[in-house]
Each structure stands twice: as structure tokens, then as C-alpha cells.
C-alpha atoms as a PDB file:
ATOM      1  CA  MET A   1    -105.997   3.657  52.465  1.00  0.00           C
ATOM      2  CA  ILE A   2    -105.081   4.027  56.126  1.00  0.00           C
ATOM      3  CA  VAL A   3    -107.412   6.181  58.205  1.00  0.00           C
ATOM      4  CA  ILE A   4    -105.653   8.880  60.206  1.00  0.00           C
ATOM      5  CA  LYS A   5    -107.638  10.796  62.804  1.00  0.00           C
ATOM      6  CA  GLN A   6    -106.482  14.117  64.244  1.00  0.00           C
ATOM      7  CA  HIS A   7    -107.337  14.777  67.928  1.00  0.00           C
ATOM      8  CA  ASP A   8    -105.975  18.121  69.141  1.00  0.00           C
ATOM      9  CA  ASP A   9    -102.198  17.556  69.489  1.00  0.00           C
ATOM     10  CA  ARG A  10    -102.193  13.858  68.545  1.00  0.00           C
ATOM     11  CA  CYS A  11    -103.141  11.522  65.718  1.00  0.00           C
ATOM     12  CA  THR A  12    -104.413   7.970  65.796  1.00  0.00           C
ATOM     13  CA  ILE A  13    -103.821   5.258  63.215  1.00  0.00           C
ATOM     14  CA  ASP A  14    -104.825   1.613  63.035  1.00  0.00           C
ATOM     15  CA  VAL A  15    -102.086  -0.991  62.794  1.00  0.00           C
ATOM     16  CA  HIS A  16    -102.078  -4.718  62.079  1.00  0.00           C
ATOM     17  CA  VAL A  17     -99.368  -6.429  64.127  1.00  0.00           C
ATOM     18  CA  THR A  18     -97.529  -9.664  63.478  1.00  0.00           C
ATOM     19  CA  PRO A  19     -95.775 -10.685  66.718  1.00  0.00           C
ATOM     20  CA  LYS A  20     -92.816 -13.123  66.859  1.00  0.00           C
ATOM     21  CA  ALA A  21     -91.794 -12.291  63.296  1.00  0.00           C
ATOM     22  CA  LYS A  22     -88.366 -13.330  62.067  1.00  0.00           C
ATOM     23  CA  GLN A  23     -87.598  -9.710  61.207  1.00  0.00           C
ATOM     24  CA  ALA A  24     -89.082  -6.440  62.462  1.00  0.00           C
ATOM     25  CA  SER A  25     -90.562  -4.166  59.800  1.00  0.00           C
ATOM     26  CA  VAL A  26     -93.049  -1.351  59.263  1.00  0.00           C
ATOM     27  CA  GLY A  27     -94.760  -0.936  55.937  1.00  0.00           C
ATOM     28  CA  GLY A  28     -97.570  -2.005  53.723  1.00  0.00           C
ATOM     29  CA  CYS A  29    -101.270  -2.033  54.278  1.00  0.00           C
ATOM     30  CA  HIS A  30    -103.519  -4.754  55.698  1.00  0.00           C
ATOM     31  CA  ASP A  31    -107.264  -4.129  55.733  1.00  0.00           C
ATOM     32  CA  ALA A  32    -106.890  -0.314  55.980  1.00  0.00           C
ATOM     33  CA  ALA A  33    -104.235  -0.589  58.710  1.00  0.00           C
ATOM     34  CA  LEU A  34    -100.468  -0.079  58.698  1.00  0.00           C
ATOM     35  CA  ARG A  35     -98.694  -3.455  58.764  1.00  0.00           C
ATOM     36  CA  ILE A  36     -96.098  -3.862  61.525  1.00  0.00           C
ATOM     37  CA  SER A  37     -94.024  -6.959  62.271  1.00  0.00           C
ATOM     38  CA  VAL A  38     -92.192  -7.225  65.589  1.00  0.00           C
ATOM     39  CA  THR A  39     -89.854  -9.904  66.889  1.00  0.00           C
ATOM     40  CA  ALA A  40     -91.292  -9.693  70.414  1.00  0.00           C
ATOM     41  CA  PRO A  41     -93.884 -12.282  71.475  1.00  0.00           C
ATOM     42  CA  ALA A  42     -97.462 -11.357  72.296  1.00  0.00           C
ATOM     43  CA  ASP A  43     -96.804 -11.954  75.989  1.00  0.00           C
ATOM     44  CA  LYS A  44     -97.331  -9.518  78.870  1.00  0.00           C
ATOM     45  CA  GLY A  45     -97.369  -6.471  76.585  1.00  0.00           C
ATOM     46  CA  LYS A  46     -93.976  -7.113  74.992  1.00  0.00           C
ATOM     47  CA  ALA A  47     -95.341  -6.886  71.444  1.00  0.00           C
ATOM     48  CA  ASN A  48     -97.218  -3.671  72.289  1.00  0.00           C
ATOM     49  CA  LYS A  49     -94.015  -2.081  73.599  1.00  0.00           C
ATOM     50  CA  ALA A  50     -92.201  -3.145  70.424  1.00  0.00           C
ATOM     51  CA  VAL A  51     -94.985  -1.612  68.307  1.00  0.00           C
ATOM     52  CA  GLU A  52     -94.720   1.661  70.222  1.00  0.00           C
ATOM     53  CA  LYS A  53     -90.943   1.687  69.771  1.00  0.00           C
ATOM     54  CA  SER A  54     -91.247   1.005  66.011  1.00  0.00           C
ATOM     55  CA  ILE A  55     -93.857   3.731  65.510  1.00  0.00           C
ATOM     56  CA  ALA A  56     -91.755   6.217  67.502  1.00  0.00           C
ATOM     57  CA  ALA A  57     -88.742   5.485  65.283  1.00  0.00           C
ATOM     58  CA  VAL A  58     -90.728   5.876  62.054  1.00  0.00           C
ATOM     59  CA  PHE A  59     -92.308   9.187  63.071  1.00  0.00           C
ATOM     60  CA  GLY A  60     -89.259  10.595  64.854  1.00  0.00           C
ATOM     61  CA  VAL A  61     -90.911  11.086  68.233  1.00  0.00           C
ATOM     62  CA  ALA A  62     -90.054   9.898  71.731  1.00  0.00           C
ATOM     63  CA  LYS A  63     -91.367   6.468  72.767  1.00  0.00           C
ATOM     64  CA  SER A  64     -93.348   8.225  75.492  1.00  0.00           C
ATOM     65  CA  ASN A  65     -95.351  10.017  72.746  1.00  0.00           C
ATOM     66  CA  VAL A  66     -96.668   6.733  71.325  1.00  0.00           C
ATOM     67  CA  GLU A  67     -99.316   4.598  73.010  1.00  0.00           C
ATOM     68  CA  VAL A  68    -101.490   1.645  72.061  1.00  0.00           C
ATOM     69  CA  VAL A  69    -104.924   3.004  72.982  1.00  0.00           C
ATOM     70  CA  ARG A  70    -107.135   0.204  71.672  1.00  0.00           C
ATOM     71  CA  GLY A  71    -106.681  -3.492  70.963  1.00  0.00           C
ATOM     72  CA  SER A  72    -103.900  -4.292  73.418  1.00  0.00           C
ATOM     73  CA  THR A  73    -104.659  -8.047  73.173  1.00  0.00           C
ATOM     74  CA  SER A  74    -105.538  -8.055  69.487  1.00  0.00           C
ATOM     75  CA  ARG A  75    -103.495  -8.025  66.289  1.00  0.00           C
ATOM     76  CA  ARG A  76    -105.538  -4.971  65.213  1.00  0.00           C
ATOM     77  CA  LYS A  77    -104.599  -1.980  67.353  1.00  0.00           C
ATOM     78  CA  THR A  78    -105.153   1.752  67.409  1.00  0.00           C
ATOM     79  CA  VAL A  79    -102.013   3.729  68.168  1.00  0.00           C
ATOM     80  CA  SER A  80    -101.922   7.343  69.368  1.00  0.00           C
ATOM     81  CA  ILE A  81     -98.983   9.549  68.374  1.00  0.00           C
ATOM     82  CA  THR A  82     -98.647  12.812  70.308  1.00  0.00           C
ATOM     83  CA  GLY A  83     -96.939  15.852  68.832  1.00  0.00           C
ATOM     84  CA  VAL A  84     -97.540  15.185  65.126  1.00  0.00           C
ATOM     85  CA  SER A  85    -100.117  16.513  62.704  1.00  0.00           C
ATOM     86  CA  GLU A  86    -102.172  14.503  60.235  1.00  0.00           C
ATOM     87  CA  THR A  87    -100.104  16.041  57.419  1.00  0.00           C
ATOM     88  CA  GLU A  88     -96.845  14.867  59.010  1.00  0.00           C
ATOM     89  CA  VAL A  89     -98.243  11.369  59.516  1.00  0.00           C
ATOM     90  CA  ARG A  90     -99.358  11.144  55.879  1.00  0.00           C
ATOM     91  CA  LYS A  91     -95.943  12.374  54.709  1.00  0.00           C
ATOM     92  CA  LYS A  92     -94.171   9.633  56.709  1.00  0.00           C
ATOM     93  CA  LEU A  93     -96.659   6.919  55.727  1.00  0.00           C
ATOM     94  CA  ASP A  94     -96.614   7.604  51.991  1.00  0.00           C
ATOM     95  CA  PRO A  95     -93.217   5.975  51.256  1.00  0.00           C
ATOM     96  CA  LEU A  96     -93.982   3.097  53.658  1.00  0.00           C
ATOM     97  CA  LEU A  97     -97.149   2.262  51.785  1.00  0.00           C
ATOM     98  CA  ARG A  98     -95.472   2.607  48.387  1.00  0.00           C
ATOM     99  CA  ASP A  99     -92.361   0.546  49.192  1.00  0.00           C
ATOM    100  CA  GLY A 100     -94.019  -1.841  51.615  1.00  0.00           C
ATOM    101  CA  SER A 101     -91.392  -1.684  54.362  1.00  0.00           C
ATOM    102  CA  ALA A 102     -89.008   0.462  56.377  1.00  0.00           C
END
């Protein structure tokens, strides 16, 4: 189960990132975090930008509303999504966790 925390007008979720993957994907759970694979390398923030872009696409928000707020040099990151409620996040995550990818 992925922990979602509501903070005023934003939510935070933990993600587990696989950089330099053959194919980008979002879905599944790894140690209570949303699994994200990105094709970008973990070099000079490229993977973090790819994670933000992927999260923005999944939740239907602008890239500027998504930010890696913890773990910028780690595979385990906390991502903040502005402009969505905890209910909306759960609604979007449910099929991703069931199917395993998006």
C-alpha cells in the first residue's frame, strides 16, 4: 500500500525509480512506493526531470506542479503533486497498482 500524504493544496507520494530503463513505465508497487522506470540516466538530474514528467502525465497536471522534494540522488524519492487531492491521487493510482503499468 502506497502512503499518500495530503498537505494543504498538494499531496506527496513515495516512488522507487529505475533510471536508464529500456522502456519508461509507471505502475506497480515496490516497498510501499510507486514503481517508475525512466529511460533517462541518473546524471545531473535528468532522471528526476523524467520522473516529474511521468508523474505529471499520469495525474494530468502541469510539469511545474510536480517536484521531487526528497531523495534527489536516491532511487527512493518523495514527489510532491500540487493541485490534486488525496482522493484524486488514490483514484489514479488504483488501476496502476492493479495492472502494474501505464
